[in-house]
Amino acid sequence: MKGTVVKSTGSSCVVLLDSGEQITATLKGIFRTKGIDSTNPLAVGDKVGISISDDGDALIEEIEERKNHIIRKATKLSKRSHIVAANIDFAYLMITLSKPKTHLLFVDRFLVTAEAYHIPVRILINKTDIYDDKLKKQLAVVIETYQSAGYECFPISALDKNSLDDISDLFANSINLMAGNSGVGKSTLINSLEPKLNIKTNEVSSHHETGKHTTTFAEMHRLKNGGFIIDTPGLKSFSTYDMEKEDLSHRFPEMRKVMDQCQFGNCQHINEPNCAVLAALESGEIAKTRYRNYLDIYNSDEVEGFR
């Protein structure tokens, strides 16, 4: 039997069979994800092969090769990775400019990782219903920054279903990852798109203006339009993992577009002469915030495996 992992809490998981039935299955033996030293050999979105034992237990015998996955460092003290989800058609990064504030370095770290694994990303900017004039100006700048870099941006209010008309059809007939900080409204959005799911939500801490975890593990939910949404635990930070420094600029689409005009083929776009990226930065074609975050990630030594 074949199926897709829709929920995993370790060696045990829930699998949606190709027949439409859901069963609980256990991972047979020890699997090591090919080429990845991961804390979780099995991830939501994995395509698996299942057998039924003589005792009637469902056993996962095979994990099919992934078309892609998104990965992050497991913890600050760990040299291992954690696979967030696999076989994704689109990733949706939900951010907020207030309550809580999403830092753009977090955004760019996520985008860099998605670019590395060839996962297209759309950016949802939530809670626009509470934005004052100052935040609305910031919103316009953020949209301009990321749309000019090549990312679709959608300002929304997950509490106002009318604002979701432009995005609800985007999730149809595809597997979609929903990611973001705790408290940005991922679960609220999913409930608005599919009320019958009734996913638990929580308020943002009024003292720290940070989100509280409500989703504790990734889980895939079926939508009435034929698509699926993978709800993920809120991320406080997102560290890039196992990426060559020399490749980093290739993960910024706006840099990738002009870098072949640099004088040197191995240009790192920092202080080299005749650098097309620095020229584009000077002319305003590349946003200063994006470039600052490029330097921050490039110079970071906090991530094991980022060489």
Protein backbone atom coordinates (compact mmCIF):
# COMPACT_ATOMS: atom_id res chain seq x y z
CA MET A 1 0.00 0.00 0.00
CA LYS A 2 1.10 3.53 -0.74
CA GLY A 3 0.29 6.72 1.12
CA THR A 4 1.37 10.15 2.36
CA VAL A 5 2.41 11.01 5.91
CA VAL A 6 0.00 13.65 7.23
CA LYS A 7 1.09 13.66 10.87
CA SER A 8 4.24 12.45 12.57
CA THR A 9 5.17 12.51 16.24
CA GLY A 10 8.25 10.30 16.02
CA SER A 11 8.35 6.70 14.89
CA SER A 12 4.53 6.62 14.83
CA CYS A 13 2.58 8.58 12.24
CA VAL A 14 -0.75 8.98 10.50
CA VAL A 15 -0.75 8.08 6.81
CA LEU A 16 -3.34 9.05 4.23
CA LEU A 17 -3.53 6.07 1.91
CA ASP A 18 -4.02 6.53 -1.80
CA SER A 19 -7.43 4.91 -1.28
CA GLY A 20 -8.47 7.84 0.95
CA GLU A 21 -8.34 5.89 4.22
CA GLN A 22 -6.24 7.16 7.13
CA ILE A 23 -4.27 4.69 9.25
CA THR A 24 -1.69 4.85 12.02
CA ALA A 25 1.61 3.29 11.05
CA THR A 26 4.96 2.64 12.68
CA LEU A 27 8.36 3.09 11.09
CA LYS A 28 9.98 -0.32 10.65
CA GLY A 29 13.61 -0.55 11.74
CA ILE A 30 16.05 2.32 11.52
CA PHE A 31 15.85 4.64 8.55
CA ARG A 32 18.50 7.22 7.81
CA THR A 33 17.38 9.93 5.43
CA LYS A 34 19.58 9.76 2.38
CA GLY A 35 22.40 12.30 2.65
CA ILE A 36 20.83 14.15 5.59
CA ASP A 37 21.71 13.74 9.27
CA SER A 38 18.22 14.48 10.51
CA THR A 39 16.48 14.22 13.87
CA ASN A 40 13.38 12.96 12.07
CA PRO A 41 13.80 10.36 9.33
CA LEU A 42 10.08 10.67 8.60
CA ALA A 43 8.45 14.00 7.77
CA VAL A 44 4.97 15.20 6.93
CA GLY A 45 4.55 15.02 3.17
CA ASP A 46 6.71 11.91 2.76
CA LYS A 47 5.42 9.30 0.32
CA VAL A 48 5.69 5.88 1.96
CA GLY A 49 5.12 2.23 1.29
CA ILE A 50 3.25 0.24 3.97
CA SER A 51 2.80 -3.40 4.80
CA ILE A 52 0.49 -5.05 7.34
CA SER A 53 2.11 -7.43 9.81
CA ASP A 54 0.64 -10.75 10.94
CA ASP A 55 -0.57 -8.94 14.06
CA GLY A 56 -2.44 -6.42 11.92
CA ASP A 57 -0.04 -3.55 12.58
CA ALA A 58 0.75 -1.13 9.75
CA LEU A 59 4.49 -0.85 9.15
CA ILE A 60 6.31 1.68 6.99
CA GLU A 61 8.72 -0.32 4.86
CA GLU A 62 9.80 2.38 2.42
CA ILE A 63 10.25 6.15 2.25
CA GLU A 64 10.19 7.26 -1.37
CA GLU A 65 12.74 9.73 -2.66
CA ARG A 66 11.66 13.30 -1.97
CA LYS A 67 11.22 15.82 -4.77
CA ASN A 68 12.15 18.51 -2.24
CA HIS A 69 12.04 19.31 1.46
CA ILE A 70 12.59 22.27 3.71
CA ILE A 71 15.09 21.89 6.48
CA ARG A 72 16.40 23.85 9.42
CA LYS A 73 18.92 23.37 12.19
CA ALA A 74 17.35 21.28 14.95
CA THR A 75 18.50 23.35 17.97
CA LYS A 76 21.21 25.85 18.81
CA LEU A 77 23.25 23.10 20.44
CA SER A 78 22.70 20.47 17.79
CA LYS A 79 24.77 19.81 14.68
CA ARG A 80 21.85 17.91 13.20
CA SER A 81 18.96 19.13 11.09
CA HIS A 82 15.20 18.89 11.33
CA ILE A 83 13.10 18.30 8.23
CA VAL A 84 10.06 20.57 8.49
CA ALA A 85 8.14 18.94 5.62
CA ALA A 86 8.68 17.21 2.29
CA ASN A 87 7.28 17.15 -1.26
CA ILE A 88 5.97 20.72 -1.14
CA ASP A 89 4.43 22.53 -4.10
CA PHE A 90 4.37 25.97 -2.45
CA ALA A 91 5.54 27.44 0.84
CA TYR A 92 3.59 30.29 2.39
CA LEU A 93 5.55 32.41 4.82
CA MET A 94 3.19 34.34 7.07
CA ILE A 95 4.60 37.46 8.69
CA THR A 96 3.20 40.33 10.76
CA LEU A 97 4.52 43.86 11.24
CA SER A 98 3.09 44.05 14.75
CA LYS A 99 1.87 41.75 17.54
CA PRO A 100 4.25 40.04 16.98
CA LYS A 101 6.74 41.79 14.73
CA THR A 102 8.44 39.51 12.24
CA HIS A 103 12.06 40.50 11.69
CA LEU A 104 13.13 40.63 8.06
CA LEU A 105 16.30 38.64 8.80
CA PHE A 106 14.02 35.73 9.74
CA VAL A 107 12.17 36.21 6.46
CA ASP A 108 15.34 36.18 4.41
CA ARG A 109 16.77 33.14 6.17
CA PHE A 110 13.59 31.24 5.36
CA LEU A 111 13.59 32.42 1.75
CA VAL A 112 17.24 31.46 1.29
CA THR A 113 16.53 27.95 2.54
CA ALA A 114 13.47 27.56 0.32
CA GLU A 115 15.49 28.78 -2.68
CA ALA A 116 18.18 26.20 -1.93
CA TYR A 117 15.61 23.40 -2.15
CA HIS A 118 13.73 24.89 -5.13
CA ILE A 119 10.50 25.55 -3.23
CA PRO A 120 8.53 28.58 -4.48
CA VAL A 121 7.45 30.93 -1.68
CA ARG A 122 4.55 33.35 -1.39
CA ILE A 123 4.51 35.87 1.46
CA LEU A 124 1.34 36.50 3.46
CA ILE A 125 1.37 39.69 5.55
CA ASN A 126 -1.29 39.22 8.20
CA LYS A 127 -3.18 41.39 10.71
CA THR A 128 -3.51 44.35 8.34
CA ASP A 129 -6.79 45.17 10.11
CA ILE A 130 -4.81 46.53 13.10
CA TYR A 131 -2.25 48.55 11.13
CA ASP A 132 -2.17 52.31 11.73
CA ASP A 133 -0.84 54.80 9.18
CA LYS A 134 2.79 54.19 10.21
CA LEU A 135 2.46 50.43 9.82
CA LYS A 136 0.66 50.84 6.51
CA LYS A 137 3.69 52.77 5.21
CA GLN A 138 5.95 49.98 6.45
CA LEU A 139 3.66 47.47 4.76
CA ALA A 140 4.07 49.24 1.42
CA VAL A 141 7.87 49.16 1.78
CA VAL A 142 7.91 45.46 2.66
CA ILE A 143 5.68 44.59 -0.30
CA GLU A 144 7.85 46.64 -2.67
CA THR A 145 11.03 45.03 -1.29
CA TYR A 146 9.92 41.46 -1.75
CA GLN A 147 7.87 41.84 -4.91
CA SER A 148 10.84 43.49 -6.61
CA ALA A 149 12.93 40.51 -5.48
CA GLY A 150 10.48 38.17 -7.19
CA TYR A 151 8.12 37.08 -4.40
CA GLU A 152 4.35 37.44 -4.53
CA CYS A 153 3.04 39.28 -1.47
CA PHE A 154 -0.52 39.24 -0.15
CA PRO A 155 -1.64 41.64 2.62
CA ILE A 156 -4.46 39.93 4.50
CA SER A 157 -6.46 39.74 7.69
CA ALA A 158 -7.02 36.11 8.62
CA LEU A 159 -10.02 37.22 10.71
CA ASP A 160 -11.67 38.93 7.73
CA LYS A 161 -12.72 36.30 5.22
CA ASN A 162 -13.36 38.96 2.58
CA SER A 163 -9.63 39.69 2.48
CA LEU A 164 -8.91 36.03 1.72
CA ASP A 165 -10.74 35.96 -1.63
CA ASP A 166 -7.49 36.60 -3.50
CA ILE A 167 -5.63 33.72 -1.89
CA SER A 168 -8.12 30.92 -1.20
CA ASP A 169 -7.87 29.55 -4.73
CA LEU A 170 -4.06 29.49 -4.56
CA PHE A 171 -4.14 26.44 -2.31
CA ALA A 172 -6.24 24.32 -4.68
CA ASN A 173 -4.90 20.97 -5.88
CA SER A 174 -1.46 21.46 -4.36
CA ILE A 175 0.49 20.69 -1.18
CA ASN A 176 1.17 23.92 0.67
CA LEU A 177 3.44 24.55 3.65
CA MET A 178 2.40 27.27 6.11
CA ALA A 179 5.31 28.68 8.13
CA GLY A 180 6.04 31.67 10.32
CA ASN A 181 6.69 32.87 13.86
CA SER A 182 4.37 31.86 16.67
CA GLY A 183 1.38 34.16 16.91
CA VAL A 184 1.29 35.43 13.33
CA GLY A 185 -2.03 33.69 12.66
CA LYS A 186 -1.26 30.54 10.69
CA SER A 187 -3.88 28.42 12.44
CA THR A 188 -6.43 31.27 12.30
CA LEU A 189 -5.97 31.47 8.53
CA ILE A 190 -6.41 27.73 8.10
CA ASN A 191 -9.59 27.85 10.20
CA SER A 192 -10.90 30.69 8.02
CA LEU A 193 -10.22 28.68 4.87
CA GLU A 194 -11.59 25.45 6.35
CA PRO A 195 -13.74 26.14 9.45
CA LYS A 196 -14.53 22.47 10.10
CA LEU A 197 -10.88 21.85 11.04
CA ASN A 198 -11.29 24.02 14.16
CA ILE A 199 -7.54 24.16 14.85
CA LYS A 200 -6.67 25.50 18.28
CA THR A 201 -5.47 29.11 18.32
CA ASN A 202 -3.97 31.27 21.05
CA GLU A 203 -3.58 34.94 21.86
CA VAL A 204 -0.28 36.79 21.55
CA SER A 205 1.37 37.54 24.88
CA SER A 206 0.46 41.12 25.79
CA HIS A 207 3.66 41.51 27.84
CA HIS A 208 6.23 40.40 25.27
CA GLU A 209 4.09 40.70 22.13
CA THR A 210 5.30 37.28 21.08
CA GLY A 211 3.25 34.31 20.02
CA LYS A 212 2.50 31.25 22.10
CA HIS A 213 2.90 27.83 20.53
CA THR A 214 -0.43 26.22 19.67
CA THR A 215 0.70 23.79 16.96
CA THR A 216 3.27 21.43 18.47
CA PHE A 217 4.04 19.32 15.41
CA ALA A 218 3.58 19.61 11.67
CA GLU A 219 0.28 18.28 10.37
CA MET A 220 -1.23 18.15 6.89
CA HIS A 221 -4.89 19.12 6.51
CA ARG A 222 -7.12 18.43 3.52
CA LEU A 223 -8.97 21.41 2.01
CA LYS A 224 -12.31 21.30 0.25
CA ASN A 225 -10.75 22.70 -2.94
CA GLY A 226 -8.58 19.63 -3.40
CA GLY A 227 -5.46 21.09 -1.83
CA PHE A 228 -3.60 20.40 1.39
CA ILE A 229 -2.09 22.76 3.97
CA ILE A 230 0.77 21.69 6.24
CA ASP A 231 0.44 23.60 9.50
CA THR A 232 3.79 23.88 11.28
CA PRO A 233 4.83 24.84 14.81
CA GLY A 234 5.68 28.52 15.16
CA LEU A 235 9.36 29.24 14.64
CA LYS A 236 11.15 31.66 16.95
CA SER A 237 14.11 31.68 14.59
CA PHE A 238 15.16 30.01 11.38
CA SER A 239 18.79 29.08 10.86
CA THR A 240 20.12 28.15 7.47
CA TYR A 241 21.68 24.72 7.33
CA ASP A 242 24.39 23.06 5.26
CA MET A 243 24.95 25.75 2.67
CA GLU A 244 28.20 26.89 1.07
CA LYS A 245 28.93 30.58 1.58
CA GLU A 246 29.92 30.84 -2.06
CA ASP A 247 26.40 29.76 -3.06
CA LEU A 248 24.52 32.18 -0.81
CA SER A 249 24.13 35.02 -3.31
CA HIS A 250 22.54 32.56 -5.76
CA ARG A 251 19.69 32.21 -3.24
CA PHE A 252 18.77 35.89 -3.65
CA PRO A 253 16.84 36.12 -6.95
CA GLU A 254 17.57 39.81 -7.44
CA MET A 255 21.32 39.16 -7.08
CA ARG A 256 21.15 36.10 -9.29
CA LYS A 257 19.62 38.23 -12.03
CA VAL A 258 22.68 40.51 -12.38
CA MET A 259 25.65 38.59 -10.98
CA ASP A 260 26.77 37.25 -14.36
CA GLN A 261 27.76 40.84 -15.14
CA CYS A 262 30.32 40.90 -12.31
CA GLN A 263 33.96 41.12 -13.38
CA PHE A 264 34.91 38.02 -11.39
CA GLY A 265 33.11 34.68 -11.62
CA ASN A 266 33.65 34.02 -7.91
CA CYS A 267 32.54 37.49 -6.82
CA GLN A 268 30.97 37.48 -3.36
CA HIS A 269 29.51 40.99 -3.83
CA ILE A 270 31.12 42.51 -0.76
CA ASN A 271 34.03 44.74 -1.85
CA GLU A 272 35.13 43.37 -5.21
CA PRO A 273 35.72 45.81 -8.11
CA ASN A 274 33.19 46.04 -10.94
CA CYS A 275 30.56 44.11 -9.00
CA ALA A 276 27.17 44.24 -10.71
CA VAL A 277 25.35 43.43 -7.46
CA LEU A 278 26.93 46.40 -5.66
CA ALA A 279 26.06 48.58 -8.64
CA ALA A 280 22.44 47.39 -8.47
CA LEU A 281 22.44 48.10 -4.74
CA GLU A 282 23.70 51.62 -5.38
CA SER A 283 21.04 52.26 -8.03
CA GLY A 284 18.24 50.94 -5.78
CA GLU A 285 17.50 47.82 -7.84
CA ILE A 286 18.45 45.73 -4.80
CA ALA A 287 16.92 46.69 -1.45
CA LYS A 288 19.38 47.73 1.26
CA THR A 289 17.57 45.60 3.85
CA ARG A 290 17.92 42.50 1.69
CA TYR A 291 21.62 43.19 1.11
CA ARG A 292 22.26 43.80 4.84
CA ASN A 293 20.62 40.48 5.61
CA TYR A 294 22.76 38.82 2.92
CA LEU A 295 25.86 40.08 4.72
CA ASP A 296 24.48 39.00 8.09
CA ILE A 297 23.86 35.46 6.87
CA TYR A 298 27.18 35.37 4.99
CA ASN A 299 29.14 36.41 8.07
CA SER A 300 27.17 34.26 10.48
CA ASP A 301 29.10 31.61 12.37
CA GLU A 302 26.22 30.39 14.52
CA VAL A 303 25.17 27.65 12.14
CA GLU A 304 27.07 24.38 12.03
CA GLY A 305 27.18 23.18 8.48
CA PHE A 306 27.03 26.70 7.03
CA ARG A 307 30.55 26.89 5.66
